[in-house]
Amino acid sequence: MSFSQIIEGSVNNALNLQETLFKTRIAVCRNGCPLLKIHSIFGELCNESLYLNPITGETSEVGKIGFYRGCGCVLGSKTRVPEAHCPAKKW
């Protein structure tokens, strides 16, 4: 995500904007995505310490062919930016 998208997502999250987009995307994350990580302060994050093969659902702590690394983004914000995308290409 670009810096401007991070700001956009943060504002949208604080003001509950793009709620429909958020609900659609976060449902994908919450529906068993192994990259979803709960942080005590930031809430739901995309785990940047894991790689995911979106076809098999397999995870790895090291990069492999066909695996995508979690981005580390705060999902409450990222999922509210129309131009943003899931690093594992789930949305």
N, C-alpha and C. Protein backbone atom coordinates (compact mmCIF):
# COMPACT_ATOMS: atom_id res chain seq x y z
N MET A 1 0.84 -1.18 0.00
CA MET A 1 0.00 0.00 0.00
C MET A 1 0.88 1.24 0.00
N SER A 2 0.42 2.25 -0.69
CA SER A 2 1.14 3.51 -0.69
C SER A 2 0.82 4.29 0.59
N PHE A 3 1.61 5.29 0.88
CA PHE A 3 1.38 6.11 2.07
C PHE A 3 0.00 6.76 2.02
N SER A 4 -0.40 7.23 0.85
CA SER A 4 -1.72 7.87 0.73
C SER A 4 -2.85 6.87 0.98
N GLN A 5 -2.65 5.61 0.57
CA GLN A 5 -3.66 4.58 0.83
C GLN A 5 -3.73 4.23 2.32
N ILE A 6 -2.59 4.25 3.00
CA ILE A 6 -2.58 4.01 4.44
C ILE A 6 -3.37 5.10 5.15
N ILE A 7 -3.17 6.35 4.75
CA ILE A 7 -3.92 7.47 5.34
C ILE A 7 -5.41 7.32 5.02
N GLU A 8 -5.72 7.03 3.76
CA GLU A 8 -7.12 6.85 3.35
C GLU A 8 -7.78 5.74 4.16
N GLY A 9 -7.11 4.61 4.29
CA GLY A 9 -7.66 3.50 5.05
C GLY A 9 -7.85 3.83 6.51
N SER A 10 -6.91 4.54 7.09
CA SER A 10 -7.00 4.93 8.50
C SER A 10 -8.17 5.86 8.73
N VAL A 11 -8.36 6.83 7.84
CA VAL A 11 -9.49 7.75 7.95
C VAL A 11 -10.80 6.99 7.75
N ASN A 12 -10.85 6.15 6.73
CA ASN A 12 -12.07 5.37 6.47
C ASN A 12 -12.41 4.48 7.67
N ASN A 13 -11.38 3.90 8.30
CA ASN A 13 -11.60 3.05 9.46
C ASN A 13 -12.13 3.88 10.64
N ALA A 14 -11.51 5.01 10.90
CA ALA A 14 -11.91 5.85 12.03
C ALA A 14 -13.34 6.37 11.87
N LEU A 15 -13.74 6.63 10.62
CA LEU A 15 -15.07 7.19 10.35
C LEU A 15 -16.08 6.14 9.89
N ASN A 16 -15.68 4.88 9.92
CA ASN A 16 -16.53 3.78 9.45
C ASN A 16 -17.04 3.98 8.02
N LEU A 17 -16.15 4.45 7.15
CA LEU A 17 -16.48 4.61 5.74
C LEU A 17 -16.14 3.33 4.99
N GLN A 18 -16.70 3.16 3.82
CA GLN A 18 -16.48 1.96 2.99
C GLN A 18 -16.85 0.69 3.77
N GLU A 19 -17.94 0.76 4.53
CA GLU A 19 -18.36 -0.33 5.40
C GLU A 19 -18.72 -1.61 4.62
N THR A 20 -19.39 -1.47 3.50
CA THR A 20 -19.76 -2.65 2.70
C THR A 20 -18.51 -3.34 2.17
N LEU A 21 -17.58 -2.57 1.66
CA LEU A 21 -16.32 -3.12 1.16
C LEU A 21 -15.57 -3.82 2.29
N PHE A 22 -15.50 -3.17 3.44
CA PHE A 22 -14.85 -3.74 4.62
C PHE A 22 -15.47 -5.08 4.99
N LYS A 23 -16.79 -5.13 5.10
CA LYS A 23 -17.47 -6.36 5.52
C LYS A 23 -17.23 -7.50 4.54
N THR A 24 -17.25 -7.20 3.27
CA THR A 24 -17.02 -8.23 2.24
C THR A 24 -15.61 -8.78 2.33
N ARG A 25 -14.64 -7.89 2.43
CA ARG A 25 -13.24 -8.32 2.45
C ARG A 25 -12.85 -8.98 3.77
N ILE A 26 -13.24 -8.40 4.88
CA ILE A 26 -12.82 -8.94 6.18
C ILE A 26 -13.44 -10.32 6.41
N ALA A 27 -14.60 -10.57 5.80
CA ALA A 27 -15.22 -11.90 5.90
C ALA A 27 -14.31 -12.96 5.28
N VAL A 28 -13.64 -12.62 4.20
CA VAL A 28 -12.70 -13.55 3.56
C VAL A 28 -11.54 -13.84 4.52
N CYS A 29 -11.03 -12.80 5.15
CA CYS A 29 -9.92 -12.97 6.08
C CYS A 29 -10.34 -13.80 7.30
N ARG A 30 -11.50 -13.48 7.82
CA ARG A 30 -11.98 -14.15 9.03
C ARG A 30 -12.44 -15.58 8.78
N ASN A 31 -12.68 -15.90 7.53
CA ASN A 31 -13.17 -17.24 7.19
C ASN A 31 -12.01 -18.22 7.02
N GLY A 32 -11.13 -18.26 7.99
CA GLY A 32 -10.07 -19.26 8.02
C GLY A 32 -8.77 -18.91 7.34
N CYS A 33 -8.54 -17.65 6.99
CA CYS A 33 -7.25 -17.32 6.38
C CYS A 33 -6.15 -17.45 7.43
N PRO A 34 -5.14 -18.28 7.17
CA PRO A 34 -4.07 -18.47 8.15
C PRO A 34 -3.15 -17.26 8.30
N LEU A 35 -3.28 -16.28 7.43
CA LEU A 35 -2.48 -15.06 7.58
C LEU A 35 -3.09 -14.09 8.59
N LEU A 36 -4.34 -14.31 8.97
CA LEU A 36 -5.00 -13.42 9.93
C LEU A 36 -4.35 -13.58 11.29
N LYS A 37 -3.96 -12.46 11.86
CA LYS A 37 -3.28 -12.44 13.16
C LYS A 37 -3.97 -11.37 14.01
N ILE A 38 -4.23 -11.70 15.26
CA ILE A 38 -4.85 -10.74 16.17
C ILE A 38 -3.76 -10.11 17.04
N HIS A 39 -3.71 -8.79 16.98
CA HIS A 39 -2.74 -8.02 17.76
C HIS A 39 -3.48 -7.32 18.89
N SER A 40 -2.91 -7.29 20.06
CA SER A 40 -3.59 -6.72 21.23
C SER A 40 -3.88 -5.23 21.10
N ILE A 41 -3.12 -4.51 20.32
CA ILE A 41 -3.34 -3.07 20.15
C ILE A 41 -3.98 -2.74 18.82
N PHE A 42 -3.48 -3.31 17.74
CA PHE A 42 -3.92 -2.95 16.39
C PHE A 42 -5.08 -3.77 15.87
N GLY A 43 -5.43 -4.84 16.55
CA GLY A 43 -6.54 -5.68 16.10
C GLY A 43 -6.11 -6.68 15.06
N GLU A 44 -6.90 -6.82 14.01
CA GLU A 44 -6.65 -7.82 12.97
C GLU A 44 -5.59 -7.33 11.99
N LEU A 45 -4.55 -8.14 11.85
CA LEU A 45 -3.44 -7.84 10.95
C LEU A 45 -3.26 -8.97 9.95
N CYS A 46 -2.60 -8.66 8.86
CA CYS A 46 -2.15 -9.67 7.90
C CYS A 46 -0.73 -10.04 8.31
N ASN A 47 -0.53 -11.27 8.75
CA ASN A 47 0.73 -11.71 9.35
C ASN A 47 1.89 -11.68 8.35
N GLU A 48 2.81 -10.74 8.57
CA GLU A 48 3.95 -10.59 7.67
C GLU A 48 5.04 -11.63 7.92
N SER A 49 4.87 -12.46 8.94
CA SER A 49 5.85 -13.51 9.25
C SER A 49 5.54 -14.83 8.55
N LEU A 50 4.41 -14.87 7.83
CA LEU A 50 4.01 -16.12 7.16
C LEU A 50 3.84 -15.91 5.66
N TYR A 51 4.04 -17.00 4.95
CA TYR A 51 3.78 -17.06 3.51
C TYR A 51 2.63 -18.05 3.32
N LEU A 52 1.77 -17.78 2.36
CA LEU A 52 0.60 -18.63 2.12
C LEU A 52 0.53 -19.04 0.66
N ASN A 53 0.24 -20.30 0.44
CA ASN A 53 -0.10 -20.78 -0.89
C ASN A 53 -1.62 -20.74 -0.95
N PRO A 54 -2.21 -19.79 -1.69
CA PRO A 54 -3.67 -19.65 -1.68
C PRO A 54 -4.42 -20.81 -2.33
N ILE A 55 -3.74 -21.63 -3.08
CA ILE A 55 -4.39 -22.78 -3.72
C ILE A 55 -4.51 -23.94 -2.73
N THR A 56 -3.44 -24.23 -2.01
CA THR A 56 -3.43 -25.37 -1.09
C THR A 56 -3.77 -24.98 0.35
N GLY A 57 -3.62 -23.70 0.68
CA GLY A 57 -3.83 -23.25 2.06
C GLY A 57 -2.62 -23.49 2.96
N GLU A 58 -1.56 -24.05 2.39
CA GLU A 58 -0.34 -24.33 3.15
C GLU A 58 0.37 -23.03 3.51
N THR A 59 0.95 -22.98 4.70
CA THR A 59 1.74 -21.82 5.11
C THR A 59 3.19 -22.23 5.30
N SER A 60 4.04 -21.23 5.28
CA SER A 60 5.47 -21.45 5.46
C SER A 60 6.07 -20.22 6.12
N GLU A 61 7.14 -20.43 6.86
CA GLU A 61 7.86 -19.30 7.44
C GLU A 61 8.95 -18.78 6.52
N VAL A 62 9.14 -19.45 5.40
CA VAL A 62 10.10 -19.01 4.38
C VAL A 62 9.40 -18.94 3.03
N GLY A 63 9.90 -18.07 2.17
CA GLY A 63 9.30 -17.92 0.86
C GLY A 63 9.50 -19.15 -0.02
N LYS A 64 8.47 -19.49 -0.76
CA LYS A 64 8.52 -20.61 -1.69
C LYS A 64 7.77 -20.21 -2.96
N ILE A 65 8.00 -20.92 -4.03
CA ILE A 65 7.29 -20.66 -5.28
C ILE A 65 5.80 -20.92 -5.06
N GLY A 66 4.98 -19.97 -5.49
CA GLY A 66 3.53 -20.10 -5.35
C GLY A 66 2.99 -19.60 -4.02
N PHE A 67 3.86 -19.12 -3.14
CA PHE A 67 3.46 -18.61 -1.84
C PHE A 67 3.55 -17.09 -1.84
N TYR A 68 2.63 -16.46 -1.11
CA TYR A 68 2.61 -15.00 -1.00
C TYR A 68 2.78 -14.62 0.45
N ARG A 69 3.60 -13.62 0.71
CA ARG A 69 3.88 -13.18 2.07
C ARG A 69 2.78 -12.23 2.55
N GLY A 70 2.38 -12.41 3.82
CA GLY A 70 1.45 -11.48 4.43
C GLY A 70 2.06 -10.08 4.45
N CYS A 71 1.23 -9.07 4.37
CA CYS A 71 1.73 -7.71 4.21
C CYS A 71 1.97 -6.96 5.52
N GLY A 72 1.38 -7.42 6.62
CA GLY A 72 1.55 -6.74 7.89
C GLY A 72 0.59 -5.59 8.12
N CYS A 73 -0.33 -5.38 7.20
CA CYS A 73 -1.27 -4.25 7.30
C CYS A 73 -2.34 -4.48 8.36
N VAL A 74 -2.84 -3.36 8.88
CA VAL A 74 -4.01 -3.37 9.76
C VAL A 74 -5.22 -3.58 8.85
N LEU A 75 -5.90 -4.69 9.03
CA LEU A 75 -6.96 -5.05 8.09
C LEU A 75 -8.20 -4.18 8.22
N GLY A 76 -8.46 -3.62 9.39
CA GLY A 76 -9.59 -2.72 9.55
C GLY A 76 -9.46 -1.49 8.66
N SER A 77 -8.22 -1.13 8.32
CA SER A 77 -7.97 0.01 7.44
C SER A 77 -7.79 -0.43 5.99
N LYS A 78 -6.95 -1.42 5.76
CA LYS A 78 -6.64 -1.84 4.39
C LYS A 78 -7.88 -2.30 3.64
N THR A 79 -8.77 -3.02 4.31
CA THR A 79 -9.95 -3.56 3.64
C THR A 79 -10.93 -2.48 3.22
N ARG A 80 -10.73 -1.25 3.65
CA ARG A 80 -11.62 -0.14 3.33
C ARG A 80 -11.10 0.74 2.18
N VAL A 81 -10.00 0.33 1.57
CA VAL A 81 -9.42 1.08 0.46
C VAL A 81 -9.71 0.32 -0.84
N PRO A 82 -10.54 0.88 -1.70
CA PRO A 82 -10.91 0.16 -2.93
C PRO A 82 -9.72 -0.30 -3.78
N GLU A 83 -8.65 0.48 -3.83
CA GLU A 83 -7.50 0.14 -4.67
C GLU A 83 -6.57 -0.88 -4.01
N ALA A 84 -6.74 -1.17 -2.73
CA ALA A 84 -5.88 -2.12 -2.02
C ALA A 84 -6.26 -3.54 -2.42
N HIS A 85 -5.32 -4.45 -2.21
CA HIS A 85 -5.60 -5.85 -2.53
C HIS A 85 -4.92 -6.76 -1.51
N CYS A 86 -5.42 -7.97 -1.41
CA CYS A 86 -4.85 -8.99 -0.55
C CYS A 86 -3.57 -9.51 -1.19
N PRO A 87 -2.48 -9.66 -0.40
CA PRO A 87 -1.25 -10.15 -1.00
C PRO A 87 -1.35 -11.59 -1.50
N ALA A 88 -2.30 -12.35 -0.96
CA ALA A 88 -2.52 -13.73 -1.42
C ALA A 88 -3.58 -13.80 -2.50
N LYS A 89 -4.00 -12.64 -2.98
CA LYS A 89 -4.95 -12.52 -4.09
C LYS A 89 -6.34 -13.11 -3.77
N LYS A 90 -6.74 -13.01 -2.50
CA LYS A 90 -8.06 -13.50 -2.08
C LYS A 90 -9.15 -12.46 -2.30
N TRP A 91 -8.78 -11.19 -2.40
CA TRP A 91 -9.71 -10.11 -2.73
C TRP A 91 -8.97 -8.96 -3.36
